[in-house]
Amino acid sequence: MKGQGLKVSLIAVWVAATAIFALWLTSDRISALEQKLESDGQILHRLISQRADQHDAHLTGLSALASSNKQPPLDILLNLAETIRRFYPRITSVDLIALRTMKPEVVFSTRQNDVGADLALSIRKAALASTGALQIIPTDSGYLLVKRSPNSDASRFGLALNIDARKLVESDRELSPGTTLKLETQDRRKVFQNEASTEQPPSTGFLQPLGFEKTLGSRSQPLVLSLESRASLAEVSGPDAAETSAARILVGRPGPLPTSIYFPQADHRI
């Protein structure tokens, strides 16, 4: 009897130790995924913020030219606009719309096709509504960034850059599979969303989505950058996860022990 009792006790200890290790392994892997998502988000945030600030500088230079004379120097504007487009391919076009006419009048555009009455009207309305701040108009491929020129109540033109949002968020940084990247205005109008949402693993109940959200550092384009990643069971408990956690132990950087356990149907932790 004593031998059997000892055997049962040893089995119970082994089961408990295995469960504790499995919980620690899951917690450690989730912590590593959170750290990677945070790192990816911060790097992208700095990069996109810097690029957005460049748009402001381009608009300032173009606006100074457009309003320098009674008639805008179209040849010089074209040269400057084409130079900007060549070195900053995310800026796909530059449009200059007259404000002081009964109907929107296209003064200048780098588009190969016509600007179109609806687009010209949108640029005109945005410029007239501006009190000094740049206006953002979401489009199918990104957004229009509109500035009144000159930037005063005596403005004569609406100046717009067409921004390709996919190129705006491009980076050498590789996101984890299934990570959704979004770029939105402050009132949550979508500017960009990648296609990763269709690749996300199914929800497992207790594995909550990991998230990062931060407003760009650009004062003129305070877009909201967000990343969301849903880890799969394979990522947090598979062989690769075990190898990663073992490596962290060997180099003296083990992850934190779990402080709580989530139960999907419970409203408490243990």
Protein backbone atom coordinates (compact mmCIF):
# COMPACT_ATOMS: atom_id res chain seq x y z
CA MET A 1 0.00 0.00 0.00
CA LYS A 2 2.79 2.37 0.90
CA GLY A 3 4.52 1.68 -2.41
CA GLN A 4 1.34 2.31 -4.35
CA GLY A 5 0.67 5.50 -2.44
CA LEU A 6 4.19 6.72 -3.17
CA LYS A 7 3.70 5.95 -6.84
CA VAL A 8 0.46 7.92 -6.93
CA SER A 9 2.15 10.83 -5.16
CA LEU A 10 5.02 10.83 -7.64
CA ILE A 11 2.58 10.81 -10.56
CA ALA A 12 0.68 13.71 -9.01
CA VAL A 13 3.92 15.68 -8.54
CA TRP A 14 4.93 14.94 -12.14
CA VAL A 15 1.52 16.09 -13.47
CA ALA A 16 1.67 19.26 -11.38
CA ALA A 17 5.24 20.02 -12.50
CA THR A 18 4.30 19.43 -16.14
CA ALA A 19 1.28 21.75 -15.81
CA ILE A 20 3.39 24.47 -14.16
CA PHE A 21 6.03 24.19 -16.89
CA ALA A 22 3.36 24.33 -19.61
CA LEU A 23 1.88 27.47 -18.05
CA TRP A 24 5.30 29.06 -17.73
CA LEU A 25 6.14 28.11 -21.32
CA THR A 26 2.92 29.68 -22.60
CA SER A 27 3.44 32.83 -20.53
CA ASP A 28 7.05 33.13 -21.67
CA ARG A 29 6.13 32.78 -25.34
CA ILE A 30 3.26 35.26 -25.11
CA SER A 31 5.67 37.70 -23.43
CA ALA A 32 8.13 37.27 -26.31
CA LEU A 33 5.36 37.85 -28.88
CA GLU A 34 4.23 40.97 -27.01
CA GLN A 35 7.78 42.32 -26.97
CA LYS A 36 8.17 41.74 -30.71
CA LEU A 37 4.86 43.43 -31.48
CA GLU A 38 5.81 46.42 -29.32
CA SER A 39 9.21 46.65 -31.01
CA ASP A 40 7.66 46.39 -34.48
CA GLY A 41 5.10 49.05 -33.58
CA GLN A 42 7.65 51.52 -32.23
CA ILE A 43 9.91 51.14 -35.27
CA LEU A 44 7.02 51.58 -37.70
CA HIS A 45 5.71 54.53 -35.69
CA ARG A 46 9.02 56.40 -35.95
CA LEU A 47 9.38 55.61 -39.65
CA ILE A 48 5.85 56.61 -40.67
CA SER A 49 5.96 59.75 -38.50
CA GLN A 50 9.15 60.88 -40.23
CA ARG A 51 7.64 60.25 -43.65
CA ALA A 52 4.47 62.14 -42.74
CA ASP A 53 6.52 65.17 -41.65
CA GLN A 54 8.16 65.16 -45.08
CA HIS A 55 4.74 65.65 -46.68
CA ASP A 56 4.27 68.83 -44.67
CA ALA A 57 7.63 70.17 -45.88
CA HIS A 58 6.78 69.37 -49.52
CA LEU A 59 3.44 71.17 -49.27
CA THR A 60 5.11 74.22 -47.73
CA GLY A 61 7.57 74.49 -50.64
CA LEU A 62 4.92 73.93 -53.29
CA SER A 63 2.56 76.42 -51.66
CA ALA A 64 5.24 79.10 -51.53
CA LEU A 65 5.75 78.71 -55.27
CA ALA A 66 2.04 78.59 -56.11
CA SER A 67 1.27 81.83 -54.26
CA SER A 68 4.48 83.70 -55.08
CA ASN A 69 2.93 85.54 -58.05
CA LYS A 70 -0.50 86.45 -59.34
CA GLN A 71 -0.18 83.55 -61.78
CA PRO A 72 1.51 80.39 -60.46
CA PRO A 73 4.79 79.53 -62.25
CA LEU A 74 3.51 76.27 -63.73
CA ASP A 75 6.81 75.15 -65.27
CA ILE A 76 8.68 75.52 -61.99
CA LEU A 77 5.83 73.86 -60.11
CA LEU A 78 5.91 70.93 -62.52
CA ASN A 79 9.67 70.48 -62.11
CA LEU A 80 9.44 70.59 -58.32
CA ALA A 81 6.42 68.25 -58.21
CA GLU A 82 8.07 65.69 -60.52
CA THR A 83 11.25 65.80 -58.42
CA ILE A 84 9.21 65.13 -55.28
CA ARG A 85 7.39 62.23 -56.94
CA ARG A 86 10.64 60.74 -58.19
CA PHE A 87 12.35 60.71 -54.78
CA TYR A 88 9.17 60.04 -52.76
CA PRO A 89 7.15 57.52 -54.83
CA ARG A 90 4.46 57.27 -52.16
CA ILE A 91 3.38 60.76 -53.35
CA THR A 92 1.60 59.74 -56.52
CA SER A 93 0.28 63.13 -57.65
CA VAL A 94 0.12 66.85 -56.89
CA ASP A 95 -2.99 68.92 -57.61
CA LEU A 96 -3.60 72.68 -57.45
CA ILE A 97 -7.24 73.81 -57.46
CA ALA A 98 -8.47 77.43 -57.70
CA LEU A 99 -10.73 78.50 -54.83
CA ARG A 100 -12.01 81.86 -56.01
CA THR A 101 -14.10 80.60 -58.91
CA MET A 102 -17.73 79.55 -59.07
CA LYS A 103 -16.74 75.97 -59.91
CA PRO A 104 -13.56 74.05 -58.99
CA GLU A 105 -10.90 74.86 -61.54
CA VAL A 106 -7.81 72.67 -61.96
CA VAL A 107 -4.85 75.03 -62.24
CA PHE A 108 -2.18 72.35 -62.17
CA SER A 109 -1.94 68.58 -61.81
CA THR A 110 0.65 65.86 -62.33
CA ARG A 111 -2.01 63.21 -62.91
CA GLN A 112 -1.97 61.46 -66.26
CA ASN A 113 -5.79 61.40 -66.24
CA ASP A 114 -8.15 64.26 -65.52
CA VAL A 115 -8.58 65.21 -61.88
CA GLY A 116 -12.33 64.88 -62.21
CA ALA A 117 -15.04 67.22 -60.97
CA ASP A 118 -15.80 65.29 -57.76
CA LEU A 119 -12.15 65.11 -56.68
CA ALA A 120 -11.56 68.78 -57.51
CA LEU A 121 -14.64 69.68 -55.48
CA SER A 122 -13.42 67.62 -52.50
CA ILE A 123 -10.04 69.38 -52.55
CA ARG A 124 -11.73 72.77 -52.85
CA LYS A 125 -14.10 72.08 -49.94
CA ALA A 126 -11.28 70.83 -47.72
CA ALA A 127 -9.13 73.88 -48.43
CA LEU A 128 -12.00 76.30 -47.79
CA ALA A 129 -12.86 74.50 -44.54
CA SER A 130 -9.27 74.72 -43.28
CA THR A 131 -8.39 77.24 -40.59
CA GLY A 132 -4.68 76.56 -41.02
CA ALA A 133 -4.34 72.85 -40.34
CA LEU A 134 -3.83 70.37 -43.14
CA GLN A 135 -6.93 68.40 -44.15
CA ILE A 136 -6.94 64.62 -44.65
CA ILE A 137 -9.33 63.00 -47.13
CA PRO A 138 -9.21 59.17 -47.12
CA THR A 139 -9.16 57.53 -50.56
CA ASP A 140 -9.22 53.95 -51.83
CA SER A 141 -5.41 53.85 -51.92
CA GLY A 142 -4.53 56.11 -49.01
CA TYR A 143 -5.39 59.76 -48.51
CA LEU A 144 -5.27 63.25 -49.94
CA LEU A 145 -3.39 65.81 -47.86
CA VAL A 146 -4.83 69.25 -48.56
CA LYS A 147 -3.38 72.66 -47.74
CA ARG A 148 -4.84 76.09 -48.43
CA SER A 149 -2.43 78.38 -50.28
CA PRO A 150 -1.45 80.86 -49.06
CA ASN A 151 -2.25 79.60 -45.57
CA SER A 152 -4.47 82.53 -44.57
CA ASP A 153 -8.00 83.81 -44.99
CA ALA A 154 -6.81 85.23 -48.32
CA SER A 155 -6.09 81.76 -49.71
CA ARG A 156 -6.46 81.38 -53.47
CA PHE A 157 -5.71 77.69 -54.03
CA GLY A 158 -6.23 74.26 -52.62
CA LEU A 159 -3.01 72.25 -52.87
CA ALA A 160 -3.17 68.46 -52.51
CA LEU A 161 -0.74 65.57 -52.29
CA ASN A 162 -2.11 62.12 -53.09
CA ILE A 163 -0.46 59.66 -50.67
CA ASP A 164 -0.20 55.93 -51.40
CA ALA A 165 -0.65 54.51 -47.89
CA ARG A 166 0.78 51.09 -48.77
CA LYS A 167 4.07 52.72 -49.70
CA LEU A 168 3.84 54.99 -46.66
CA VAL A 169 3.89 52.00 -44.28
CA GLU A 170 6.43 49.93 -46.24
CA SER A 171 9.31 48.70 -44.11
CA ASP A 172 12.10 46.14 -44.07
CA ARG A 173 10.70 45.06 -40.72
CA GLU A 174 8.89 41.75 -41.13
CA LEU A 175 5.72 41.47 -39.08
CA SER A 176 4.66 38.18 -37.53
CA PRO A 177 2.26 36.11 -39.68
CA GLY A 178 -1.33 37.15 -39.20
CA THR A 179 -0.51 40.64 -37.89
CA THR A 180 -3.04 43.26 -38.93
CA LEU A 181 -1.68 46.77 -39.54
CA LYS A 182 -4.10 49.69 -39.66
CA LEU A 183 -3.71 53.40 -40.26
CA GLU A 184 -6.74 55.53 -39.40
CA THR A 185 -7.71 59.15 -38.89
CA GLN A 186 -8.54 60.44 -35.42
CA ASP A 187 -12.25 59.86 -36.09
CA ARG A 188 -11.44 56.27 -37.18
CA ARG A 189 -11.81 56.64 -40.94
CA LYS A 190 -9.68 53.95 -42.54
CA VAL A 191 -6.61 55.09 -44.47
CA PHE A 192 -4.93 51.70 -44.78
CA GLN A 193 -5.29 48.10 -43.65
CA ASN A 194 -3.14 45.21 -44.77
CA GLU A 195 -4.54 41.84 -45.83
CA ALA A 196 -3.19 39.87 -42.87
CA SER A 197 -6.59 39.61 -41.17
CA THR A 198 -7.56 36.75 -43.48
CA GLU A 199 -4.49 34.82 -42.33
CA GLN A 200 -5.13 35.10 -38.60
CA PRO A 201 -5.40 31.84 -36.67
CA PRO A 202 -8.81 31.08 -35.17
CA SER A 203 -9.55 32.31 -31.67
CA THR A 204 -8.69 29.83 -28.92
CA GLY A 205 -10.78 31.46 -26.20
CA PHE A 206 -8.08 32.13 -23.60
CA LEU A 207 -5.42 33.58 -25.93
CA GLN A 208 -6.37 37.22 -26.21
CA PRO A 209 -5.26 39.35 -29.21
CA LEU A 210 -2.02 41.27 -28.73
CA GLY A 211 -2.19 44.93 -29.65
CA PHE A 212 -0.20 48.11 -30.22
CA GLU A 213 -1.67 51.55 -30.88
CA LYS A 214 -0.05 54.97 -31.10
CA THR A 215 -0.78 58.29 -32.79
CA LEU A 216 1.87 59.40 -35.28
CA GLY A 217 4.30 62.05 -34.08
CA SER A 218 3.39 64.29 -37.03
CA ARG A 219 1.43 67.35 -35.88
CA SER A 220 -0.09 67.84 -39.34
CA GLN A 221 -1.09 64.18 -39.84
CA PRO A 222 -2.01 62.68 -36.44
CA LEU A 223 -3.00 59.35 -37.93
CA VAL A 224 -3.44 56.39 -35.59
CA LEU A 225 -1.16 53.40 -36.19
CA SER A 226 -2.34 50.08 -34.77
CA LEU A 227 -1.07 46.52 -34.90
CA GLU A 228 -3.01 43.48 -33.78
CA SER A 229 -1.79 39.91 -33.66
CA ARG A 230 -3.65 36.79 -32.53
CA ALA A 231 -1.25 34.06 -31.42
CA SER A 232 -2.06 30.46 -32.26
CA LEU A 233 -1.66 27.52 -29.88
CA ALA A 234 1.20 26.26 -32.05
CA GLU A 235 3.09 29.54 -31.52
CA VAL A 236 2.81 29.46 -27.74
CA SER A 237 3.07 25.74 -27.05
CA GLY A 238 4.68 24.07 -30.08
CA PRO A 239 8.26 22.77 -30.42
CA ASP A 240 9.55 26.14 -31.63
CA ALA A 241 8.13 27.83 -28.55
CA ALA A 242 9.85 25.29 -26.29
CA GLU A 243 13.18 25.79 -28.05
CA THR A 244 12.87 29.58 -27.75
CA SER A 245 12.10 29.41 -24.04
CA ALA A 246 14.92 26.94 -23.43
CA ALA A 247 17.31 29.31 -25.19
CA ARG A 248 16.13 32.18 -22.97
CA ILE A 249 16.87 30.08 -19.89
CA LEU A 250 20.36 29.22 -21.15
CA VAL A 251 21.26 32.87 -21.69
CA GLY A 252 19.83 33.85 -18.33
CA ARG A 253 16.73 35.71 -19.58
CA PRO A 254 13.74 33.55 -18.70
CA GLY A 255 10.34 35.10 -19.12
CA PRO A 256 8.03 35.89 -16.20
CA LEU A 257 6.14 33.19 -14.36
CA PRO A 258 2.39 33.32 -14.93
CA THR A 259 0.62 35.39 -12.29
CA SER A 260 -2.90 34.40 -13.28
CA ILE A 261 -4.80 31.90 -15.35
CA TYR A 262 -7.68 32.92 -17.63
CA PHE A 263 -10.77 30.75 -17.91
CA PRO A 264 -12.97 31.61 -20.94
CA GLN A 265 -16.29 31.22 -19.15
CA ALA A 266 -15.21 32.66 -15.81
CA ASP A 267 -15.21 36.25 -14.68
CA HIS A 268 -12.30 35.81 -12.30
CA ARG A 269 -8.70 34.62 -12.15
CA ILE A 270 -6.99 32.08 -9.98
